[in-house]
Structure formats: structure tokens, C-alpha cells
């Protein structure tokens, strides 16, 4: 798969991952424990590959563990933020990431900040501004969930930059395995941070224990494992700001899914903003395609 397509596909999964997370909340599961177990389930699914294909050397290097540490911590921050706070607001703060990605890519890897890149960042941030501006000024972070979402974007940008810089990390498998191993403990520790952890369940649906277990497995195999794999595959082959801009597609997916399932707003303003954000991803995607040709 082309890395830009992989990142865009991962954006669809990250944009809807709040669904199983909040369903588990509705089933009475503690989020930290639920996602820790889900990451363990995803790791068990990888064990046959690890053992029978003898991929032990791919998880032996220090650089793969450093990347797994950074990415897992950023992932845990994001998952905890969407559990604690409004999905749309958390996505806004997280998707200041293209700015951090462009800065880190320039500082650590010498990546050029091209006019197309600037245009993509401008379109994406303009879309966010259209969606979230309420006349009260810039929505500065003010609570634990806000700071988690903002920090997760910074850390993901750092992970993207480190991944591009680590050209020796050709194995996506090792990166995925270490990330899934570490995300559970990180997330559990974040649940101990003081602050509200109340989440809105989907349509007020009461989820039984069997359905809760099914959502636990679905979170592991339908969201966490493929989303992590696609993201790390793409991030290791693109410049950090490229990956960040393409991932902004998640904003439109999150807004649309939240509007359909938990009645969060999606009117003309959200539609215009989502169009601008998709335009930012398309500009980067089209530019990458032309370069490949």
C-alpha cells in the first residue's frame, strides 16, 4: 500500500475509535483497563507472526522501543482525552499537530516547508477555525482532557519525526508490537490523573456484559491493531508534516460519526470546515501522487 493511502485509511479508524471506547464506558468498563486488555488481545493476535515467522530481531533494537514508547504515550493521551472530553474539541486540539510536525521535521530531519505544505496547513487550520470558532476566541486548553489532547498531537508529531529519522527501522511489525505493549500501562496511569472521566454513551444505549466483551475484541482487532499498523507504516515513509496533514481527514470522520451517533452538531459551518480539511489532505495527497508519477 502507498504510505499516503495508509495514513488516510488510518485516519478513518482513528476518527471512529471513540465509538468502541464509549461503548465500553456504557458497559461499565474502566477505560484504562479495557484498552489495556484490548492492546493485549491485539498483541496475542501478533504472536503467531512473531513466533512462526521468527521476527524476534525486529523487536530487539533500542530505536524501535524508543519509537514505541513515544507513539504509545501519544496514543494513550489521545484515547484518554476522547474519553474525558467533547470529541470535537479534543480532535481540534490534537490536530494542531501539522504545525508541530512541520517544525520538528525541519529541526530534526531538515525537511523543506514547501508552499504546498504551507497551503495544506493553512487549509486544515482554517477548517478547524470555521468549525470551532464560537465568537469567544481561541479555545485555549483549560482542563486535563484539553491538555492531554494538545500534548498527544505534539507527541505524535515527535513520533512521526523520529520515525522518518530512523531510516533503519524498516519493520513496521516491531514498531506496532512495542507500541501495543506499552499503550496499556500508559493509559492506565493516565486514568489516575484527577479530573472528570464521564463520557456520553451512544444514544443512551445500555450495553450488556456479552456485548461489552465483543466491543473489547472489536476495539483490539478492528481499530487498535490496523490503525496502529497503518499509521506507523505511513509515518515511516512520509515526512512528518505530510503524515499530519493527511491524518486531518480524521476530523471530518470524527465530526460526522459523532453527529450521527451522539447528536453532536454538524451543520453548514461543520460542513464547510470539513471540506477545507479534506481539501488540505487532498492537496497533500495529489502533490504526492504527482511526485510519484
C-alpha atoms as a PDB file:
ATOM      1  CA  UNK A   1       0.000   0.000   0.000  1.00  0.00           C
ATOM      2  CA  UNK A   2       1.147   3.539  -0.698  1.00  0.00           C
ATOM      3  CA  UNK A   3       2.066   5.286   2.559  1.00  0.00           C
ATOM      4  CA  UNK A   4      -0.243   8.243   1.893  1.00  0.00           C
ATOM      5  CA  UNK A   5      -3.189   5.873   1.391  1.00  0.00           C
ATOM      6  CA  UNK A   6      -2.213   4.023   4.567  1.00  0.00           C
ATOM      7  CA  UNK A   7      -2.281   7.250   6.594  1.00  0.00           C
ATOM      8  CA  UNK A   8      -5.669   8.249   5.160  1.00  0.00           C
ATOM      9  CA  UNK A   9      -7.100   4.814   5.941  1.00  0.00           C
ATOM     10  CA  UNK A  10      -5.759   5.059   9.485  1.00  0.00           C
ATOM     11  CA  UNK A  11      -7.477   8.448   9.826  1.00  0.00           C
ATOM     12  CA  UNK A  12     -10.837   6.751   9.239  1.00  0.00           C
ATOM     13  CA  UNK A  13     -10.123   4.300  12.055  1.00  0.00           C
ATOM     14  CA  UNK A  14      -8.814   6.924  14.489  1.00  0.00           C
ATOM     15  CA  UNK A  15     -11.817   9.101  13.635  1.00  0.00           C
ATOM     16  CA  UNK A  16     -14.218   6.392  14.803  1.00  0.00           C
ATOM     17  CA  UNK A  17     -12.228   4.767  17.612  1.00  0.00           C
ATOM     18  CA  UNK A  18     -14.229   6.783  20.141  1.00  0.00           C
ATOM     19  CA  UNK A  19     -17.199   4.501  19.318  1.00  0.00           C
ATOM     20  CA  UNK A  20     -15.879   1.302  20.953  1.00  0.00           C
ATOM     21  CA  UNK A  21     -14.218   3.351  23.700  1.00  0.00           C
ATOM     22  CA  UNK A  22     -17.512   4.947  24.713  1.00  0.00           C
ATOM     23  CA  UNK A  23     -19.461   1.724  24.218  1.00  0.00           C
ATOM     24  CA  UNK A  24     -17.135   0.098  26.727  1.00  0.00           C
ATOM     25  CA  UNK A  25     -17.771   3.016  29.046  1.00  0.00           C
ATOM     26  CA  UNK A  26     -21.500   2.354  28.664  1.00  0.00           C
ATOM     27  CA  UNK A  27     -20.908  -1.291  29.576  1.00  0.00           C
ATOM     28  CA  UNK A  28     -19.291  -0.221  32.826  1.00  0.00           C
ATOM     29  CA  UNK A  29     -15.711  -0.955  31.808  1.00  0.00           C
ATOM     30  CA  UNK A  30     -12.937   1.216  33.173  1.00  0.00           C
ATOM     31  CA  UNK A  31     -11.323   2.760  30.094  1.00  0.00           C
ATOM     32  CA  UNK A  32      -7.757   2.199  31.231  1.00  0.00           C
ATOM     33  CA  UNK A  33      -8.364  -1.470  31.960  1.00  0.00           C
ATOM     34  CA  UNK A  34     -10.478  -2.004  28.819  1.00  0.00           C
ATOM     35  CA  UNK A  35      -7.920  -0.587  26.408  1.00  0.00           C
ATOM     36  CA  UNK A  36      -5.073  -2.293  28.259  1.00  0.00           C
ATOM     37  CA  UNK A  37      -6.862  -5.610  27.705  1.00  0.00           C
ATOM     38  CA  UNK A  38      -7.619  -4.690  24.080  1.00  0.00           C
ATOM     39  CA  UNK A  39      -3.958  -3.926  23.412  1.00  0.00           C
ATOM     40  CA  UNK A  40      -3.101  -7.303  24.956  1.00  0.00           C
ATOM     41  CA  UNK A  41      -5.617  -9.005  22.643  1.00  0.00           C
ATOM     42  CA  UNK A  42      -4.032  -7.253  19.665  1.00  0.00           C
ATOM     43  CA  UNK A  43      -0.588  -8.412  20.800  1.00  0.00           C
ATOM     44  CA  UNK A  44      -1.829 -12.017  21.117  1.00  0.00           C
ATOM     45  CA  UNK A  45      -3.023 -11.752  17.515  1.00  0.00           C
ATOM     46  CA  UNK A  46       0.550 -10.816  16.550  1.00  0.00           C
ATOM     47  CA  UNK A  47       2.213 -13.669  18.455  1.00  0.00           C
ATOM     48  CA  UNK A  48       1.893 -16.272  15.643  1.00  0.00           C
ATOM     49  CA  UNK A  49       3.690 -13.847  13.327  1.00  0.00           C
ATOM     50  CA  UNK A  50       6.340 -13.170  15.965  1.00  0.00           C
ATOM     51  CA  UNK A  51       6.965 -16.858  16.714  1.00  0.00           C
ATOM     52  CA  UNK A  52       6.423 -18.709  13.454  1.00  0.00           C
ATOM     53  CA  UNK A  53       7.985 -16.099  11.211  1.00  0.00           C
ATOM     54  CA  UNK A  54      10.832 -15.588  13.708  1.00  0.00           C
ATOM     55  CA  UNK A  55      10.563 -11.840  13.903  1.00  0.00           C
ATOM     56  CA  UNK A  56      12.293 -11.542  17.270  1.00  0.00           C
ATOM     57  CA  UNK A  57      15.164  -9.465  15.803  1.00  0.00           C
ATOM     58  CA  UNK A  58      12.624  -6.833  14.723  1.00  0.00           C
ATOM     59  CA  UNK A  59      11.784  -6.002  18.351  1.00  0.00           C
ATOM     60  CA  UNK A  60      15.351  -6.193  19.667  1.00  0.00           C
ATOM     61  CA  UNK A  61      16.710  -2.757  18.712  1.00  0.00           C
ATOM     62  CA  UNK A  62      16.664   0.206  21.081  1.00  0.00           C
ATOM     63  CA  UNK A  63      15.342   2.601  18.430  1.00  0.00           C
ATOM     64  CA  UNK A  64      12.200   0.554  17.875  1.00  0.00           C
ATOM     65  CA  UNK A  65      11.486   0.691  21.625  1.00  0.00           C
ATOM     66  CA  UNK A  66      12.067   4.447  21.730  1.00  0.00           C
ATOM     67  CA  UNK A  67       9.584   4.928  18.885  1.00  0.00           C
ATOM     68  CA  UNK A  68       7.131   2.515  20.537  1.00  0.00           C
ATOM     69  CA  UNK A  69       7.450   4.468  23.794  1.00  0.00           C
ATOM     70  CA  UNK A  70       6.775   7.848  22.137  1.00  0.00           C
ATOM     71  CA  UNK A  71       3.929   6.669  19.923  1.00  0.00           C
ATOM     72  CA  UNK A  72       2.239   4.620  22.674  1.00  0.00           C
ATOM     73  CA  UNK A  73       2.300   7.562  25.084  1.00  0.00           C
ATOM     74  CA  UNK A  74       0.784   9.867  22.445  1.00  0.00           C
ATOM     75  CA  UNK A  75      -1.871   7.275  21.627  1.00  0.00           C
ATOM     76  CA  UNK A  76      -2.742   6.818  25.306  1.00  0.00           C
ATOM     77  CA  UNK A  77      -3.102  10.587  25.766  1.00  0.00           C
ATOM     78  CA  UNK A  78      -5.449  10.825  22.777  1.00  0.00           C
ATOM     79  CA  UNK A  79      -7.619   7.873  23.830  1.00  0.00           C
ATOM     80  CA  UNK A  80      -7.948   9.199  27.370  1.00  0.00           C
ATOM     81  CA  UNK A  81      -8.791  12.705  26.122  1.00  0.00           C
ATOM     82  CA  UNK A  82     -11.727  11.496  23.993  1.00  0.00           C
ATOM     83  CA  UNK A  83     -12.997   9.528  26.976  1.00  0.00           C
ATOM     84  CA  UNK A  84     -12.937  12.599  29.231  1.00  0.00           C
ATOM     85  CA  UNK A  85     -13.973  15.395  26.886  1.00  0.00           C
ATOM     86  CA  UNK A  86     -16.055  16.505  23.920  1.00  0.00           C
ATOM     87  CA  UNK A  87     -14.933  14.537  20.851  1.00  0.00           C
ATOM     88  CA  UNK A  88     -14.869  17.548  18.514  1.00  0.00           C
ATOM     89  CA  UNK A  89     -12.907  19.750  20.921  1.00  0.00           C
ATOM     90  CA  UNK A  90     -10.352  17.018  21.579  1.00  0.00           C
ATOM     91  CA  UNK A  91      -9.859  16.500  17.849  1.00  0.00           C
ATOM     92  CA  UNK A  92      -9.340  20.259  17.362  1.00  0.00           C
ATOM     93  CA  UNK A  93      -6.581  20.430  19.951  1.00  0.00           C
ATOM     94  CA  UNK A  94      -4.963  17.236  18.697  1.00  0.00           C
ATOM     95  CA  UNK A  95      -4.923  18.483  15.107  1.00  0.00           C
ATOM     96  CA  UNK A  96      -2.691  21.389  15.759  1.00  0.00           C
ATOM     97  CA  UNK A  97      -0.283  18.504  15.022  1.00  0.00           C
ATOM     98  CA  UNK A  98       0.619  19.652  11.448  1.00  0.00           C
ATOM     99  CA  UNK A  99       2.250  22.755  12.925  1.00  0.00           C
ATOM    100  CA  UNK A 100       4.365  20.724  15.356  1.00  0.00           C
ATOM    101  CA  UNK A 101       5.134  18.185  12.611  1.00  0.00           C
ATOM    102  CA  UNK A 102       6.419  20.838  10.219  1.00  0.00           C
ATOM    103  CA  UNK A 103       8.584  22.346  12.977  1.00  0.00           C
ATOM    104  CA  UNK A 104      10.008  19.009  14.157  1.00  0.00           C
ATOM    105  CA  UNK A 105      10.555  17.791  10.603  1.00  0.00           C
ATOM    106  CA  UNK A 106      12.502  20.940   9.806  1.00  0.00           C
ATOM    107  CA  UNK A 107      14.567  20.889  13.017  1.00  0.00           C
ATOM    108  CA  UNK A 108      15.402  17.189  13.242  1.00  0.00           C
ATOM    109  CA  UNK A 109      15.290  15.989   9.635  1.00  0.00           C
ATOM    110  CA  UNK A 110      15.857  19.094   7.540  1.00  0.00           C
ATOM    111  CA  UNK A 111      12.515  18.635   5.727  1.00  0.00           C
ATOM    112  CA  UNK A 112      11.580  21.573   3.488  1.00  0.00           C
ATOM    113  CA  UNK A 113       8.480  23.574   4.333  1.00  0.00           C
ATOM    114  CA  UNK A 114       7.156  23.986   0.796  1.00  0.00           C
ATOM    115  CA  UNK A 115       4.406  26.269  -0.422  1.00  0.00           C
ATOM    116  CA  UNK A 116       2.152  23.228  -0.888  1.00  0.00           C
ATOM    117  CA  UNK A 117       2.858  22.197   2.682  1.00  0.00           C
ATOM    118  CA  UNK A 118       2.052  25.686   3.951  1.00  0.00           C
ATOM    119  CA  UNK A 119      -1.145  25.695   1.880  1.00  0.00           C
ATOM    120  CA  UNK A 120      -2.159  22.329   3.338  1.00  0.00           C
ATOM    121  CA  UNK A 121      -1.561  23.523   6.899  1.00  0.00           C
ATOM    122  CA  UNK A 122      -3.456  26.758   6.165  1.00  0.00           C
ATOM    123  CA  UNK A 123      -6.450  24.898   4.689  1.00  0.00           C
ATOM    124  CA  UNK A 124      -6.540  22.435   7.562  1.00  0.00           C
ATOM    125  CA  UNK A 125      -6.292  25.035  10.312  1.00  0.00           C
ATOM    126  CA  UNK A 126      -8.815  27.248   8.508  1.00  0.00           C
ATOM    127  CA  UNK A 127     -11.227  24.334   8.508  1.00  0.00           C
ATOM    128  CA  UNK A 128     -10.698  23.847  12.225  1.00  0.00           C
ATOM    129  CA  UNK A 129     -11.257  27.556  12.841  1.00  0.00           C
ATOM    130  CA  UNK A 130     -14.529  27.548  10.869  1.00  0.00           C
ATOM    131  CA  UNK A 131     -15.808  24.528  12.781  1.00  0.00           C
ATOM    132  CA  UNK A 132     -14.857  25.547  16.282  1.00  0.00           C
ATOM    133  CA  UNK A 133     -14.943  29.346  16.375  1.00  0.00           C
ATOM    134  CA  UNK A 134     -17.863  30.394  18.549  1.00  0.00           C
ATOM    135  CA  UNK A 135     -17.172  34.100  18.918  1.00  0.00           C
ATOM    136  CA  UNK A 136     -15.496  33.573  22.281  1.00  0.00           C
ATOM    137  CA  UNK A 137     -11.944  33.491  20.944  1.00  0.00           C
ATOM    138  CA  UNK A 138      -9.448  30.679  20.562  1.00  0.00           C
ATOM    139  CA  UNK A 139     -10.442  27.625  22.643  1.00  0.00           C
ATOM    140  CA  UNK A 140      -7.358  27.514  24.846  1.00  0.00           C
ATOM    141  CA  UNK A 141      -6.832  24.303  26.838  1.00  0.00           C
ATOM    142  CA  UNK A 142      -8.315  24.579  30.302  1.00  0.00           C
ATOM    143  CA  UNK A 143      -8.585  21.109  31.821  1.00  0.00           C
ATOM    144  CA  UNK A 144      -6.933  17.705  31.988  1.00  0.00           C
ATOM    145  CA  UNK A 145      -8.670  16.423  28.840  1.00  0.00           C
ATOM    146  CA  UNK A 146      -7.692  19.531  26.837  1.00  0.00           C
ATOM    147  CA  UNK A 147      -4.042  19.288  27.834  1.00  0.00           C
ATOM    148  CA  UNK A 148      -4.000  15.580  27.059  1.00  0.00           C
ATOM    149  CA  UNK A 149      -5.373  16.182  23.560  1.00  0.00           C
ATOM    150  CA  UNK A 150      -2.948  19.036  22.870  1.00  0.00           C
ATOM    151  CA  UNK A 151       0.014  17.060  24.223  1.00  0.00           C
ATOM    152  CA  UNK A 152      -0.919  13.984  22.225  1.00  0.00           C
ATOM    153  CA  UNK A 153      -0.661  15.988  18.992  1.00  0.00           C
ATOM    154  CA  UNK A 154       2.788  17.246  19.959  1.00  0.00           C
ATOM    155  CA  UNK A 155       3.961  13.743  20.871  1.00  0.00           C
ATOM    156  CA  UNK A 156       2.571  12.160  17.688  1.00  0.00           C
ATOM    157  CA  UNK A 157       4.409  14.826  15.676  1.00  0.00           C
ATOM    158  CA  UNK A 158       7.579  13.923  17.564  1.00  0.00           C
ATOM    159  CA  UNK A 159       6.961  10.222  16.858  1.00  0.00           C
ATOM    160  CA  UNK A 160       6.477  10.941  13.139  1.00  0.00           C
ATOM    161  CA  UNK A 161       9.727  12.913  13.062  1.00  0.00           C
ATOM    162  CA  UNK A 162      11.612  10.176  14.900  1.00  0.00           C
ATOM    163  CA  UNK A 163      10.171   7.533  12.584  1.00  0.00           C
ATOM    164  CA  UNK A 164      11.324   9.419   9.487  1.00  0.00           C
ATOM    165  CA  UNK A 165      14.737   9.982  11.050  1.00  0.00           C
ATOM    166  CA  UNK A 166      15.113   6.267  11.921  1.00  0.00           C
ATOM    167  CA  UNK A 167      15.667   5.040   8.399  1.00  0.00           C
ATOM    168  CA  UNK A 168      16.961   1.746   9.749  1.00  0.00           C
ATOM    169  CA  UNK A 169      13.525   0.843  11.106  1.00  0.00           C
ATOM    170  CA  UNK A 170      12.246  -0.964   8.043  1.00  0.00           C
ATOM    171  CA  UNK A 171       9.971  -3.269  10.029  1.00  0.00           C
ATOM    172  CA  UNK A 172       6.535  -1.915  10.805  1.00  0.00           C
ATOM    173  CA  UNK A 173       5.885  -5.089  12.808  1.00  0.00           C
ATOM    174  CA  UNK A 174       8.393  -4.217  15.531  1.00  0.00           C
ATOM    175  CA  UNK A 175       7.019  -0.701  15.883  1.00  0.00           C
ATOM    176  CA  UNK A 176       3.430  -1.952  16.156  1.00  0.00           C
ATOM    177  CA  UNK A 177       4.319  -4.670  18.671  1.00  0.00           C
ATOM    178  CA  UNK A 178       6.196  -2.340  21.033  1.00  0.00           C
ATOM    179  CA  UNK A 179       3.517   0.361  20.762  1.00  0.00           C
ATOM    180  CA  UNK A 180       0.719  -2.066  21.665  1.00  0.00           C
ATOM    181  CA  UNK A 181       2.778  -3.463  24.527  1.00  0.00           C
ATOM    182  CA  UNK A 182       3.257  -0.013  26.070  1.00  0.00           C
ATOM    183  CA  UNK A 183      -0.044   1.771  25.375  1.00  0.00           C
ATOM    184  CA  UNK A 184      -1.992  -0.188  28.011  1.00  0.00           C
ATOM    185  CA  UNK A 185       0.237   0.694  31.002  1.00  0.00           C
ATOM    186  CA  UNK A 186       0.439   4.323  29.872  1.00  0.00           C
ATOM    187  CA  UNK A 187      -3.309   4.595  29.560  1.00  0.00           C
ATOM    188  CA  UNK A 188      -3.915   3.024  32.951  1.00  0.00           C
ATOM    189  CA  UNK A 189      -1.593   5.592  34.556  1.00  0.00           C
ATOM    190  CA  UNK A 190      -3.445   8.418  32.799  1.00  0.00           C
ATOM    191  CA  UNK A 191      -6.750   7.238  34.266  1.00  0.00           C
ATOM    192  CA  UNK A 192      -5.292   8.121  37.670  1.00  0.00           C
ATOM    193  CA  UNK A 193      -4.931  11.799  36.706  1.00  0.00           C
ATOM    194  CA  UNK A 194      -7.587  13.819  38.579  1.00  0.00           C
ATOM    195  CA  UNK A 195     -10.487  15.202  36.564  1.00  0.00           C
ATOM    196  CA  UNK A 196     -13.803  14.180  35.056  1.00  0.00           C
ATOM    197  CA  UNK A 197     -13.856  10.877  33.163  1.00  0.00           C
ATOM    198  CA  UNK A 198     -17.568  10.902  32.399  1.00  0.00           C
ATOM    199  CA  UNK A 199     -18.393  10.066  28.780  1.00  0.00           C
ATOM    200  CA  UNK A 200     -21.649  10.158  26.844  1.00  0.00           C
ATOM    201  CA  UNK A 201     -22.804   6.711  25.781  1.00  0.00           C
ATOM    202  CA  UNK A 202     -24.066   6.258  22.228  1.00  0.00           C
ATOM    203  CA  UNK A 203     -27.783   7.076  22.018  1.00  0.00           C
ATOM    204  CA  UNK A 204     -28.121   6.210  25.704  1.00  0.00           C
ATOM    205  CA  UNK A 205     -27.777   2.534  24.768  1.00  0.00           C
ATOM    206  CA  UNK A 206     -27.300   0.154  27.684  1.00  0.00           C
ATOM    207  CA  UNK A 207     -24.592  -2.341  26.756  1.00  0.00           C
ATOM    208  CA  UNK A 208     -24.688  -5.771  28.368  1.00  0.00           C
ATOM    209  CA  UNK A 209     -21.629  -7.758  29.524  1.00  0.00           C
ATOM    210  CA  UNK A 210     -21.507 -10.002  26.434  1.00  0.00           C
ATOM    211  CA  UNK A 211     -21.772  -7.026  24.098  1.00  0.00           C
ATOM    212  CA  UNK A 212     -19.099  -5.286  26.167  1.00  0.00           C
ATOM    213  CA  UNK A 213     -16.709  -8.187  25.632  1.00  0.00           C
ATOM    214  CA  UNK A 214     -17.459  -8.118  21.914  1.00  0.00           C
ATOM    215  CA  UNK A 215     -16.645  -4.403  21.804  1.00  0.00           C
ATOM    216  CA  UNK A 216     -13.413  -5.158  23.670  1.00  0.00           C
ATOM    217  CA  UNK A 217     -12.302  -7.585  20.957  1.00  0.00           C
ATOM    218  CA  UNK A 218     -13.524  -5.243  18.207  1.00  0.00           C
ATOM    219  CA  UNK A 219     -11.505  -2.378  19.673  1.00  0.00           C
ATOM    220  CA  UNK A 220      -8.416  -4.584  19.581  1.00  0.00           C
ATOM    221  CA  UNK A 221      -8.729  -6.175  16.149  1.00  0.00           C
ATOM    222  CA  UNK A 222     -10.864  -3.742  14.139  1.00  0.00           C
ATOM    223  CA  UNK A 223      -9.426  -0.469  15.461  1.00  0.00           C
ATOM    224  CA  UNK A 224      -6.216  -0.568  17.526  1.00  0.00           C
ATOM    225  CA  UNK A 225      -4.231  -3.122  15.533  1.00  0.00           C
ATOM    226  CA  UNK A 226      -4.983  -1.924  11.973  1.00  0.00           C
ATOM    227  CA  UNK A 227      -4.928   1.776  12.903  1.00  0.00           C
ATOM    228  CA  UNK A 228      -1.548   1.472  14.622  1.00  0.00           C
ATOM    229  CA  UNK A 229      -0.124  -0.601  11.761  1.00  0.00           C
ATOM    230  CA  UNK A 230      -1.315   1.767   9.026  1.00  0.00           C
ATOM    231  CA  UNK A 231      -0.164   4.869  10.912  1.00  0.00           C
ATOM    232  CA  UNK A 232       3.338   3.589  11.644  1.00  0.00           C
ATOM    233  CA  UNK A 233       3.728   2.161   8.134  1.00  0.00           C
ATOM    234  CA  UNK A 234       2.847   5.508   6.577  1.00  0.00           C
ATOM    235  CA  UNK A 235       4.710   7.670   9.089  1.00  0.00           C
ATOM    236  CA  UNK A 236       7.970   5.840   8.484  1.00  0.00           C
ATOM    237  CA  UNK A 237       7.792   6.599   4.755  1.00  0.00           C
ATOM    238  CA  UNK A 238       6.485  10.178   4.700  1.00  0.00           C
ATOM    239  CA  UNK A 239       7.705  13.488   6.041  1.00  0.00           C
ATOM    240  CA  UNK A 240       6.092  14.301   9.441  1.00  0.00           C
ATOM    241  CA  UNK A 241       4.073  17.236   8.105  1.00  0.00           C
ATOM    242  CA  UNK A 242       2.835  15.131   5.161  1.00  0.00           C
ATOM    243  CA  UNK A 243       1.551  12.450   7.516  1.00  0.00           C
ATOM    244  CA  UNK A 244      -0.017  15.020   9.851  1.00  0.00           C
ATOM    245  CA  UNK A 245      -1.873  16.833   7.059  1.00  0.00           C
ATOM    246  CA  UNK A 246      -3.230  13.598   5.597  1.00  0.00           C
ATOM    247  CA  UNK A 247      -4.395  12.497   9.034  1.00  0.00           C
ATOM    248  CA  UNK A 248      -6.524  15.628   9.345  1.00  0.00           C
ATOM    249  CA  UNK A 249      -9.119  13.653   7.405  1.00  0.00           C
ATOM    250  CA  UNK A 250      -9.891  12.193  10.823  1.00  0.00           C
ATOM    251  CA  UNK A 251     -11.551  15.479  11.789  1.00  0.00           C
ATOM    252  CA  UNK A 252     -14.277  15.108   9.172  1.00  0.00           C
ATOM    253  CA  UNK A 253     -14.755  11.439  10.088  1.00  0.00           C
ATOM    254  CA  UNK A 254     -14.979  12.215  13.812  1.00  0.00           C
ATOM    255  CA  UNK A 255     -17.445  15.053  13.331  1.00  0.00           C
ATOM    256  CA  UNK A 256     -19.699  13.083  11.007  1.00  0.00           C
ATOM    257  CA  UNK A 257     -19.727   9.948  13.161  1.00  0.00           C
ATOM    258  CA  UNK A 258     -20.290  11.902  16.376  1.00  0.00           C
ATOM    259  CA  UNK A 259     -23.133  13.842  14.741  1.00  0.00           C
ATOM    260  CA  UNK A 260     -24.826  10.631  13.615  1.00  0.00           C
ATOM    261  CA  UNK A 261     -24.407   8.664  16.822  1.00  0.00           C
ATOM    262  CA  UNK A 262     -24.388  11.079  19.764  1.00  0.00           C
ATOM    263  CA  UNK A 263     -26.066  14.148  18.236  1.00  0.00           C
ATOM    264  CA  UNK A 264     -23.013  16.393  18.291  1.00  0.00           C
ATOM    265  CA  UNK A 265     -23.520  19.336  15.884  1.00  0.00           C
ATOM    266  CA  UNK A 266     -22.888  19.021  12.130  1.00  0.00           C
ATOM    267  CA  UNK A 267     -24.436  21.923  10.266  1.00  0.00           C
ATOM    268  CA  UNK A 268     -23.280  24.229   7.442  1.00  0.00           C
ATOM    269  CA  UNK A 269     -20.329  25.508   9.464  1.00  0.00           C
ATOM    270  CA  UNK A 270     -19.096  21.977  10.183  1.00  0.00           C
ATOM    271  CA  UNK A 271     -19.626  21.008   6.532  1.00  0.00           C
ATOM    272  CA  UNK A 272     -17.558  23.973   5.278  1.00  0.00           C
ATOM    273  CA  UNK A 273     -14.818  23.271   7.813  1.00  0.00           C
ATOM    274  CA  UNK A 274     -14.731  19.580   6.956  1.00  0.00           C
ATOM    275  CA  UNK A 275     -14.481  20.451   3.245  1.00  0.00           C
ATOM    276  CA  UNK A 276     -11.466  22.691   3.911  1.00  0.00           C
ATOM    277  CA  UNK A 277      -9.812  19.953   5.964  1.00  0.00           C
ATOM    278  CA  UNK A 278     -10.423  17.341   3.286  1.00  0.00           C
ATOM    279  CA  UNK A 279      -9.023  19.865   0.806  1.00  0.00           C
ATOM    280  CA  UNK A 280      -5.835  20.036   2.868  1.00  0.00           C
ATOM    281  CA  UNK A 281      -5.483  16.266   2.771  1.00  0.00           C
ATOM    282  CA  UNK A 282      -6.274  16.206  -0.951  1.00  0.00           C
ATOM    283  CA  UNK A 283      -3.670  18.877  -1.693  1.00  0.00           C
ATOM    284  CA  UNK A 284      -1.004  16.818   0.039  1.00  0.00           C
ATOM    285  CA  UNK A 285      -2.250  13.560  -1.478  1.00  0.00           C
ATOM    286  CA  UNK A 286      -2.404  14.989  -5.006  1.00  0.00           C
ATOM    287  CA  UNK A 287       1.021  16.550  -4.665  1.00  0.00           C
ATOM    288  CA  UNK A 288       2.466  13.237  -3.516  1.00  0.00           C
ATOM    289  CA  UNK A 289       0.804  11.452  -6.424  1.00  0.00           C
ATOM    290  CA  UNK A 290       2.273  13.897  -8.963  1.00  0.00           C
ATOM    291  CA  UNK A 291       5.715  13.463  -7.418  1.00  0.00           C
ATOM    292  CA  UNK A 292       5.436   9.669  -7.703  1.00  0.00           C
ATOM    293  CA  UNK A 293       4.440   9.976 -11.364  1.00  0.00           C
END
